[in-house]
């Protein structure tokens, strides 16, 4: 049987990545068979996620492990002339470069696009800087939270009555970036194969995030209106909101979009007389009286479990969903049915599970994920098998702080 883990087998990608978006993009490419070689150094250039968590070992940081599954490790001092030379030699035997450093970091090390393409004109180069590689803000330091704010998402992710934006803990720019990035990388690799020439992709994470708010920008551009936060309200559905349920901090979201769904909802609630109430006669009436309607819905939901509400409403075609916690997700029967989690019974941080991904290739097997290789553990194999250097030379470089 064909394996989904070998779709990109034979593709070699060098990565200069840190944090979430860049490393996770590398993880996704590795999970489909690419040989992803992460290049770091203790002399400057360690992935910041190696320092997340209570641990002494830089290989035992949970966030780093999550973002770098299946990735190989090469420790090379990029500030050393020999280290720079080795990267150029590896680029000559690679298919692509992935990096999310700040703009011009690699250029200053003599490893910019033009220099690497001198040794390999076919290289596909994907850059994932926060604000892009040029422009007045291109040098800004960026993490998910400030990119979310800059995109306009934090402002809109709020309730109308709140004094300040709420936003979310979710770093959506990172998530969008590490999904868009590998997609563009595959397209660039296909282009290189077809034309014999590489292409550089400048994926500004802020632009990818702002793009998701397209209709909001359209309102501001066409009508001159400044869109305001809507909270849980939605202009085409009522009731539409997040309602408290029985239990400690348990909630369920419900959305009723048309008259048929409204009648079904009233039957489940046990209040068919509401269909004859002039305040709720049609969708426009329900939107006008949404506050009164929310109070009625809340009175019903708070005496029932979120799971029971979801099941009963879904059975009659009304959209509803439990607001699940992390513990809920780990035992969710739908996710378990689809083999969503990858389990690692033995690692430097003990047994754990992480999301495998939301894509299944029908008719293809999926091999187990592999933990990231320990820092620098692939030095001998990469420099020996790929570049052809002998052990004496490699050991000499260790003593000269080339491999560190």
Protein backbone atom coordinates (compact mmCIF):
# COMPACT_ATOMS: atom_id res chain seq x y z
CA UNK A 1 0.00 0.00 0.00
CA UNK A 2 1.23 3.50 -0.80
CA UNK A 3 2.25 5.63 2.18
CA UNK A 4 1.17 9.23 2.70
CA UNK A 5 4.43 9.76 4.57
CA UNK A 6 6.40 9.33 1.32
CA UNK A 7 4.61 11.72 -1.01
CA UNK A 8 7.58 14.10 -0.93
CA UNK A 9 10.24 11.40 -0.66
CA UNK A 10 13.44 12.49 -2.40
CA UNK A 11 12.92 16.19 -1.68
CA UNK A 12 15.60 17.78 0.54
CA UNK A 13 14.81 21.04 2.35
CA UNK A 14 17.19 23.11 4.47
CA UNK A 15 15.41 25.11 7.17
CA UNK A 16 16.46 28.16 9.16
CA UNK A 17 13.49 28.42 11.48
CA UNK A 18 12.47 29.41 14.97
CA UNK A 19 9.29 29.61 17.01
CA UNK A 20 6.06 28.24 15.61
CA UNK A 21 5.24 29.05 11.98
CA UNK A 22 8.53 28.16 10.29
CA UNK A 23 9.32 25.00 12.28
CA UNK A 24 5.76 23.67 11.96
CA UNK A 25 5.86 24.24 8.21
CA UNK A 26 9.01 22.11 8.21
CA UNK A 27 7.27 19.47 10.31
CA UNK A 28 4.40 19.24 7.80
CA UNK A 29 6.80 18.86 4.88
CA UNK A 30 8.72 16.18 6.81
CA UNK A 31 5.51 14.33 7.66
CA UNK A 32 4.89 13.81 3.95
CA UNK A 33 8.35 12.46 3.25
CA UNK A 34 10.66 15.40 2.61
CA UNK A 35 14.10 15.23 4.20
CA UNK A 36 13.96 18.37 6.33
CA UNK A 37 17.31 19.45 7.80
CA UNK A 38 17.05 22.09 10.51
CA UNK A 39 20.19 24.21 10.81
CA UNK A 40 21.00 25.72 14.21
CA UNK A 41 23.98 26.71 16.33
CA UNK A 42 24.78 27.33 19.98
CA UNK A 43 26.84 30.26 18.71
CA UNK A 44 23.64 32.09 17.85
CA UNK A 45 20.60 30.77 16.04
CA UNK A 46 19.02 28.25 18.42
CA UNK A 47 15.28 27.89 17.98
CA UNK A 48 13.62 29.99 20.71
CA UNK A 49 11.19 27.15 21.44
CA UNK A 50 14.11 25.09 22.79
CA UNK A 51 13.89 27.29 25.89
CA UNK A 52 10.14 26.90 26.52
CA UNK A 53 9.26 24.87 29.59
CA UNK A 54 10.89 23.75 32.81
CA UNK A 55 13.83 21.69 31.60
CA UNK A 56 17.61 21.74 31.33
CA UNK A 57 17.97 19.80 28.07
CA UNK A 58 17.35 21.90 24.93
CA UNK A 59 15.98 18.75 23.26
CA UNK A 60 13.35 18.32 25.98
CA UNK A 61 11.24 21.43 25.37
CA UNK A 62 7.65 20.28 24.67
CA UNK A 63 6.85 23.11 22.23
CA UNK A 64 10.03 22.45 20.27
CA UNK A 65 9.26 18.74 20.03
CA UNK A 66 5.70 19.41 18.86
CA UNK A 67 6.84 21.75 16.08
CA UNK A 68 9.79 19.73 14.80
CA UNK A 69 8.57 16.13 14.54
CA UNK A 70 10.40 14.19 11.87
CA UNK A 71 13.06 16.88 11.36
CA UNK A 72 16.82 16.21 11.22
CA UNK A 73 19.32 18.40 13.06
CA UNK A 74 22.56 19.91 11.78
CA UNK A 75 24.53 22.14 14.14
CA UNK A 76 26.64 24.59 12.14
CA UNK A 77 28.13 27.89 13.21
CA UNK A 78 26.90 30.22 10.47
CA UNK A 79 29.29 32.93 11.62
CA UNK A 80 32.29 30.74 10.78
CA UNK A 81 33.59 30.82 7.19
CA UNK A 82 33.69 27.02 7.01
CA UNK A 83 30.15 26.84 8.36
CA UNK A 84 28.96 29.22 5.65
CA UNK A 85 30.79 27.17 3.03
CA UNK A 86 29.14 23.96 4.22
CA UNK A 87 25.69 25.52 3.93
CA UNK A 88 26.42 26.52 0.34
CA UNK A 89 27.57 22.99 -0.41
CA UNK A 90 24.40 21.56 1.12
CA UNK A 91 22.30 24.04 -0.85
CA UNK A 92 23.88 22.64 -3.97
CA UNK A 93 22.43 19.24 -3.07
CA UNK A 94 19.05 20.49 -1.81
CA UNK A 95 15.77 21.30 -3.49
CA UNK A 96 14.51 24.09 -1.27
CA UNK A 97 15.20 26.54 1.53
CA UNK A 98 12.66 27.41 4.23
CA UNK A 99 13.30 30.26 6.64
CA UNK A 100 11.38 32.55 8.96
CA UNK A 101 14.24 34.64 10.32
CA UNK A 102 14.00 38.40 10.18
CA UNK A 103 14.71 39.82 6.72
CA UNK A 104 18.36 40.00 5.65
CA UNK A 105 19.73 37.84 8.49
CA UNK A 106 21.00 35.21 6.05
CA UNK A 107 22.09 37.89 3.57
CA UNK A 108 24.44 39.35 6.19
CA UNK A 109 25.97 35.89 6.61
CA UNK A 110 26.65 35.59 2.89
CA UNK A 111 23.78 33.11 2.49
CA UNK A 112 21.25 35.25 0.66
CA UNK A 113 19.20 34.11 -2.32
CA UNK A 114 21.70 35.18 -4.98
CA UNK A 115 24.63 33.47 -3.25
CA UNK A 116 22.76 30.19 -2.78
CA UNK A 117 21.47 30.22 -6.35
CA UNK A 118 25.04 30.48 -7.62
CA UNK A 119 25.47 26.89 -6.45
CA UNK A 120 21.91 25.76 -7.26
CA UNK A 121 19.79 27.79 -9.70
CA UNK A 122 16.80 25.47 -9.13
CA UNK A 123 16.40 26.23 -5.42
CA UNK A 124 12.88 27.01 -4.27
CA UNK A 125 13.22 29.54 -1.45
CA UNK A 126 10.33 30.21 0.92
CA UNK A 127 10.61 33.11 3.37
CA UNK A 128 8.04 33.65 6.13
CA UNK A 129 8.88 36.98 7.79
CA UNK A 130 6.17 38.63 9.88
CA UNK A 131 5.80 41.77 7.77
CA UNK A 132 7.51 40.59 4.59
CA UNK A 133 11.05 41.13 3.36
CA UNK A 134 10.73 44.83 2.56
CA UNK A 135 8.76 47.88 3.61
CA UNK A 136 8.95 50.29 6.57
CA UNK A 137 7.96 47.65 9.13
CA UNK A 138 9.84 44.69 7.68
CA UNK A 139 12.46 44.79 10.43
CA UNK A 140 9.91 44.65 13.27
CA UNK A 141 10.07 41.72 15.65
CA UNK A 142 6.94 39.65 15.30
CA UNK A 143 5.19 36.92 17.23
CA UNK A 144 1.66 35.65 16.79
CA UNK A 145 0.05 38.01 19.28
CA UNK A 146 1.23 41.27 17.71
CA UNK A 147 0.61 40.03 14.17
CA UNK A 148 -2.94 39.13 15.20
CA UNK A 149 -3.36 42.66 16.55
CA UNK A 150 -1.83 44.38 13.53
CA UNK A 151 -4.02 42.43 11.10
CA UNK A 152 -7.20 43.83 12.69
CA UNK A 153 -8.25 40.44 14.06
CA UNK A 154 -7.74 41.31 17.74
CA UNK A 155 -9.93 44.41 17.42
CA UNK A 156 -12.79 42.48 15.85
CA UNK A 157 -12.45 39.47 18.20
CA UNK A 158 -14.40 41.20 20.92
CA UNK A 159 -17.80 42.06 22.35
CA UNK A 160 -19.30 45.45 21.49
CA UNK A 161 -19.58 46.49 25.13
CA UNK A 162 -15.98 45.67 26.12
CA UNK A 163 -13.72 48.59 27.02
CA UNK A 164 -10.70 47.05 25.31
CA UNK A 165 -10.03 44.33 22.72
CA UNK A 166 -10.04 40.76 24.00
CA UNK A 167 -8.53 38.79 21.15
CA UNK A 168 -7.56 35.16 21.60
CA UNK A 169 -4.71 33.02 22.84
CA UNK A 170 -4.67 31.38 19.41
CA UNK A 171 -1.74 32.60 17.30
CA UNK A 172 -3.62 32.53 14.02
CA UNK A 173 -0.88 34.16 11.91
CA UNK A 174 1.42 31.26 12.78
CA UNK A 175 -1.21 28.66 11.96
CA UNK A 176 -2.13 30.28 8.67
CA UNK A 177 1.54 30.66 7.81
CA UNK A 178 2.50 27.06 8.41
CA UNK A 179 -0.43 25.86 6.29
CA UNK A 180 0.06 28.31 3.42
CA UNK A 181 3.85 27.90 3.45
CA UNK A 182 4.12 24.19 2.59
CA UNK A 183 1.41 24.60 -0.06
CA UNK A 184 3.43 27.33 -1.75
CA UNK A 185 6.62 25.31 -1.31
CA UNK A 186 5.17 22.35 -3.22
CA UNK A 187 4.03 24.72 -5.98
CA UNK A 188 7.53 26.23 -6.17
CA UNK A 189 9.12 22.78 -6.32
CA UNK A 190 6.86 21.81 -9.21
CA UNK A 191 7.77 25.04 -10.97
CA UNK A 192 11.49 24.34 -10.48
CA UNK A 193 11.08 20.87 -11.92
CA UNK A 194 9.17 22.24 -14.91
CA UNK A 195 11.37 25.24 -15.72
CA UNK A 196 14.77 24.41 -14.23
CA UNK A 197 14.71 27.75 -12.39
CA UNK A 198 14.02 28.43 -8.75
CA UNK A 199 11.68 31.04 -7.36
CA UNK A 200 11.68 33.00 -4.10
CA UNK A 201 8.37 33.26 -2.24
CA UNK A 202 7.98 36.15 0.20
CA UNK A 203 5.11 35.08 2.46
CA UNK A 204 4.36 37.94 4.85
CA UNK A 205 2.44 36.36 7.73
CA UNK A 206 0.61 39.61 8.43
CA UNK A 207 -0.73 39.72 4.88
CA UNK A 208 -1.87 36.12 4.99
CA UNK A 209 -3.76 36.89 8.20
CA UNK A 210 -5.26 40.16 7.01
CA UNK A 211 -6.46 38.39 3.87
CA UNK A 212 -8.85 36.30 5.98
CA UNK A 213 -10.68 39.52 6.96
CA UNK A 214 -11.41 40.38 3.34
CA UNK A 215 -15.09 41.27 3.73
CA UNK A 216 -14.24 43.58 6.62
CA UNK A 217 -11.77 45.49 4.49
CA UNK A 218 -14.30 45.59 1.69
CA UNK A 219 -16.79 47.37 3.97
CA UNK A 220 -14.21 49.95 4.96
CA UNK A 221 -13.07 50.44 1.36
CA UNK A 222 -16.46 50.62 -0.36
CA UNK A 223 -18.72 52.15 2.28
CA UNK A 224 -16.23 54.05 4.37
CA UNK A 225 -17.57 52.26 7.42
CA UNK A 226 -15.30 51.18 10.23
CA UNK A 227 -16.56 47.68 11.12
CA UNK A 228 -17.12 47.16 14.82
CA UNK A 229 -16.83 44.03 16.98
CA UNK A 230 -20.02 41.96 16.89
CA UNK A 231 -19.33 39.55 19.73
CA UNK A 232 -21.51 36.48 19.23
CA UNK A 233 -24.11 38.28 17.14
CA UNK A 234 -24.50 37.44 13.46
CA UNK A 235 -26.58 39.37 10.97
CA UNK A 236 -28.22 36.33 9.36
CA UNK A 237 -28.98 34.09 12.35
CA UNK A 238 -30.92 34.26 15.63
CA UNK A 239 -30.64 32.79 18.11
CA UNK A 240 -26.91 32.77 17.49
CA UNK A 241 -24.56 32.69 20.42
CA UNK A 242 -22.66 30.89 23.14
CA UNK A 243 -24.91 29.80 25.98
CA UNK A 244 -24.13 28.68 29.51
CA UNK A 245 -25.02 25.05 30.25
CA UNK A 246 -25.28 22.88 33.35
CA UNK A 247 -21.96 22.26 35.06
CA UNK A 248 -18.83 24.23 35.86
CA UNK A 249 -17.87 26.51 32.96
CA UNK A 250 -19.75 24.48 30.36
CA UNK A 251 -21.07 26.14 27.22
CA UNK A 252 -22.72 25.34 23.91
CA UNK A 253 -22.93 27.42 20.73
CA UNK A 254 -26.21 27.45 18.80
CA UNK A 255 -27.08 28.96 15.43
CA UNK A 256 -30.58 29.11 13.93
CA UNK A 257 -30.57 30.50 10.38
CA UNK A 258 -34.05 30.06 8.93
CA UNK A 259 -37.69 29.48 9.83
CA UNK A 260 -37.53 25.70 9.40
CA UNK A 261 -34.64 25.51 11.86
CA UNK A 262 -36.51 27.85 14.22
CA UNK A 263 -39.53 25.54 14.29
CA UNK A 264 -37.28 22.54 14.91
CA UNK A 265 -35.49 24.41 17.67
CA UNK A 266 -38.79 25.28 19.39
CA UNK A 267 -39.88 21.62 19.31
CA UNK A 268 -36.65 20.49 20.97
CA UNK A 269 -36.92 23.24 23.58
CA UNK A 270 -40.50 22.16 24.29
CA UNK A 271 -41.92 25.58 23.51
CA UNK A 272 -43.79 25.29 20.18
CA UNK A 273 -45.83 28.37 21.15
CA UNK A 274 -42.77 30.52 20.42
CA UNK A 275 -43.33 29.98 16.71
CA UNK A 276 -46.51 32.00 17.03
CA UNK A 277 -44.89 34.82 18.99
CA UNK A 278 -44.83 37.95 16.80
CA UNK A 279 -41.40 38.90 18.21
CA UNK A 280 -39.94 35.79 16.60
CA UNK A 281 -42.19 35.39 13.55
CA UNK A 282 -39.34 35.46 11.04
CA UNK A 283 -35.61 35.94 10.96
CA UNK A 284 -35.72 39.74 10.85
CA UNK A 285 -38.03 39.78 13.86
CA UNK A 286 -35.78 37.38 15.75
CA UNK A 287 -32.74 39.55 14.95
CA UNK A 288 -34.57 42.64 16.21
CA UNK A 289 -35.48 40.89 19.47
CA UNK A 290 -32.24 38.92 19.81
CA UNK A 291 -31.63 39.98 23.44
CA UNK A 292 -35.03 38.68 24.55
CA UNK A 293 -34.48 35.52 22.53
CA UNK A 294 -31.04 34.94 24.06
CA UNK A 295 -32.57 35.12 27.54
CA UNK A 296 -35.13 32.44 26.62
CA UNK A 297 -32.46 30.19 25.14
CA UNK A 298 -30.18 30.68 28.16
CA UNK A 299 -32.99 29.71 30.53
CA UNK A 300 -33.31 26.39 28.66
CA UNK A 301 -29.60 25.61 28.21
CA UNK A 302 -28.46 26.27 31.77
CA UNK A 303 -30.46 23.31 33.08
CA UNK A 304 -29.00 20.83 30.58
CA UNK A 305 -25.60 19.46 29.70
CA UNK A 306 -23.80 20.94 26.70
CA UNK A 307 -23.45 17.48 25.17
CA UNK A 308 -27.18 16.76 25.46
CA UNK A 309 -28.05 20.11 23.89
CA UNK A 310 -25.71 19.54 20.98
CA UNK A 311 -26.97 16.02 20.32
CA UNK A 312 -30.66 16.93 20.41
CA UNK A 313 -30.32 20.04 18.22
CA UNK A 314 -28.06 18.34 15.69
CA UNK A 315 -30.59 15.49 15.40
CA UNK A 316 -33.16 17.96 14.00
CA UNK A 317 -30.75 19.86 11.75
CA UNK A 318 -29.90 22.80 14.00
CA UNK A 319 -26.20 23.68 14.21
CA UNK A 320 -24.89 23.37 17.77
CA UNK A 321 -21.56 22.50 19.30
CA UNK A 322 -20.02 22.00 22.72
CA UNK A 323 -17.35 24.53 23.64
CA UNK A 324 -14.69 21.90 24.23
CA UNK A 325 -11.67 22.13 26.50
CA UNK A 326 -8.35 20.49 25.78
CA UNK A 327 -9.38 17.52 27.93
CA UNK A 328 -12.60 17.21 25.91
CA UNK A 329 -10.66 17.17 22.65
CA UNK A 330 -8.33 14.41 23.79
CA UNK A 331 -11.25 12.05 24.38
CA UNK A 332 -13.51 13.29 21.58
CA UNK A 333 -14.91 10.21 19.76
CA UNK A 334 -14.89 11.94 16.36
CA UNK A 335 -11.20 12.81 16.58
CA UNK A 336 -10.36 9.36 17.94
CA UNK A 337 -12.30 7.71 15.13
CA UNK A 338 -10.20 9.60 12.56
CA UNK A 339 -6.92 8.76 14.33
CA UNK A 340 -6.30 12.46 14.84
CA UNK A 341 -3.69 12.12 17.58
CA UNK A 342 -0.18 10.75 17.26
CA UNK A 343 1.00 9.01 20.41
CA UNK A 344 4.59 8.96 21.65
CA UNK A 345 4.85 6.53 24.57
CA UNK A 346 8.53 7.27 25.16
CA UNK A 347 10.35 10.59 24.80
CA UNK A 348 12.57 12.97 26.73
CA UNK A 349 9.42 14.51 28.24
CA UNK A 350 7.61 11.22 28.85
CA UNK A 351 4.52 9.90 27.10
CA UNK A 352 2.42 12.42 25.19
CA UNK A 353 0.01 12.87 22.31
CA UNK A 354 -0.14 15.66 19.73
CA UNK A 355 -2.47 16.35 16.81
CA UNK A 356 -1.43 14.36 13.78
CA UNK A 357 -3.19 16.66 11.35
CA UNK A 358 -6.59 17.12 9.77
CA UNK A 359 -5.94 15.44 6.43
CA UNK A 360 -6.42 11.80 5.46
CA UNK A 361 -5.24 10.39 2.13
CA UNK A 362 -7.73 7.67 1.27
CA UNK A 363 -6.17 4.45 0.04
CA UNK A 364 -2.80 5.31 1.59
CA UNK A 365 -1.25 4.13 4.83
CA UNK A 366 0.25 6.51 7.34
CA UNK A 367 3.44 5.54 9.11
CA UNK A 368 4.11 6.60 12.71
CA UNK A 369 5.53 10.07 13.24
CA UNK A 370 9.16 10.34 14.28
CA UNK A 371 10.45 12.49 17.13
CA UNK A 372 12.83 15.29 16.14
CA UNK A 373 16.45 14.21 16.14
CA UNK A 374 18.55 15.57 18.97
CA UNK A 375 20.55 18.74 18.46
CA UNK A 376 23.44 18.11 16.06
CA UNK A 377 22.87 14.35 16.00
CA UNK A 378 22.79 14.25 12.19
CA UNK A 379 26.08 16.08 11.68
CA UNK A 380 28.15 13.01 10.79
CA UNK A 381 25.53 11.52 8.47
CA UNK A 382 24.81 14.76 6.61
CA UNK A 383 28.40 15.90 6.25
CA UNK A 384 29.66 12.39 5.55
CA UNK A 385 26.98 10.79 3.40
CA UNK A 386 25.65 13.88 1.60
CA UNK A 387 28.80 16.02 1.30
CA UNK A 388 31.40 13.22 1.42
CA UNK A 389 33.63 14.47 4.25
CA UNK A 390 35.57 11.95 6.33
CA UNK A 391 35.32 11.52 10.08
CA UNK A 392 38.73 13.07 10.75
CA UNK A 393 37.70 16.31 9.05
CA UNK A 394 34.33 16.38 10.77
CA UNK A 395 35.93 15.83 14.21
CA UNK A 396 38.44 18.59 13.44
CA UNK A 397 35.57 20.99 12.73
CA UNK A 398 34.06 20.16 16.09
CA UNK A 399 37.25 21.28 17.76
CA UNK A 400 37.28 24.50 15.74
CA UNK A 401 33.72 25.50 16.73
CA UNK A 402 32.41 24.98 13.21
CA UNK A 403 29.93 22.35 14.38
CA UNK A 404 28.44 23.71 17.55
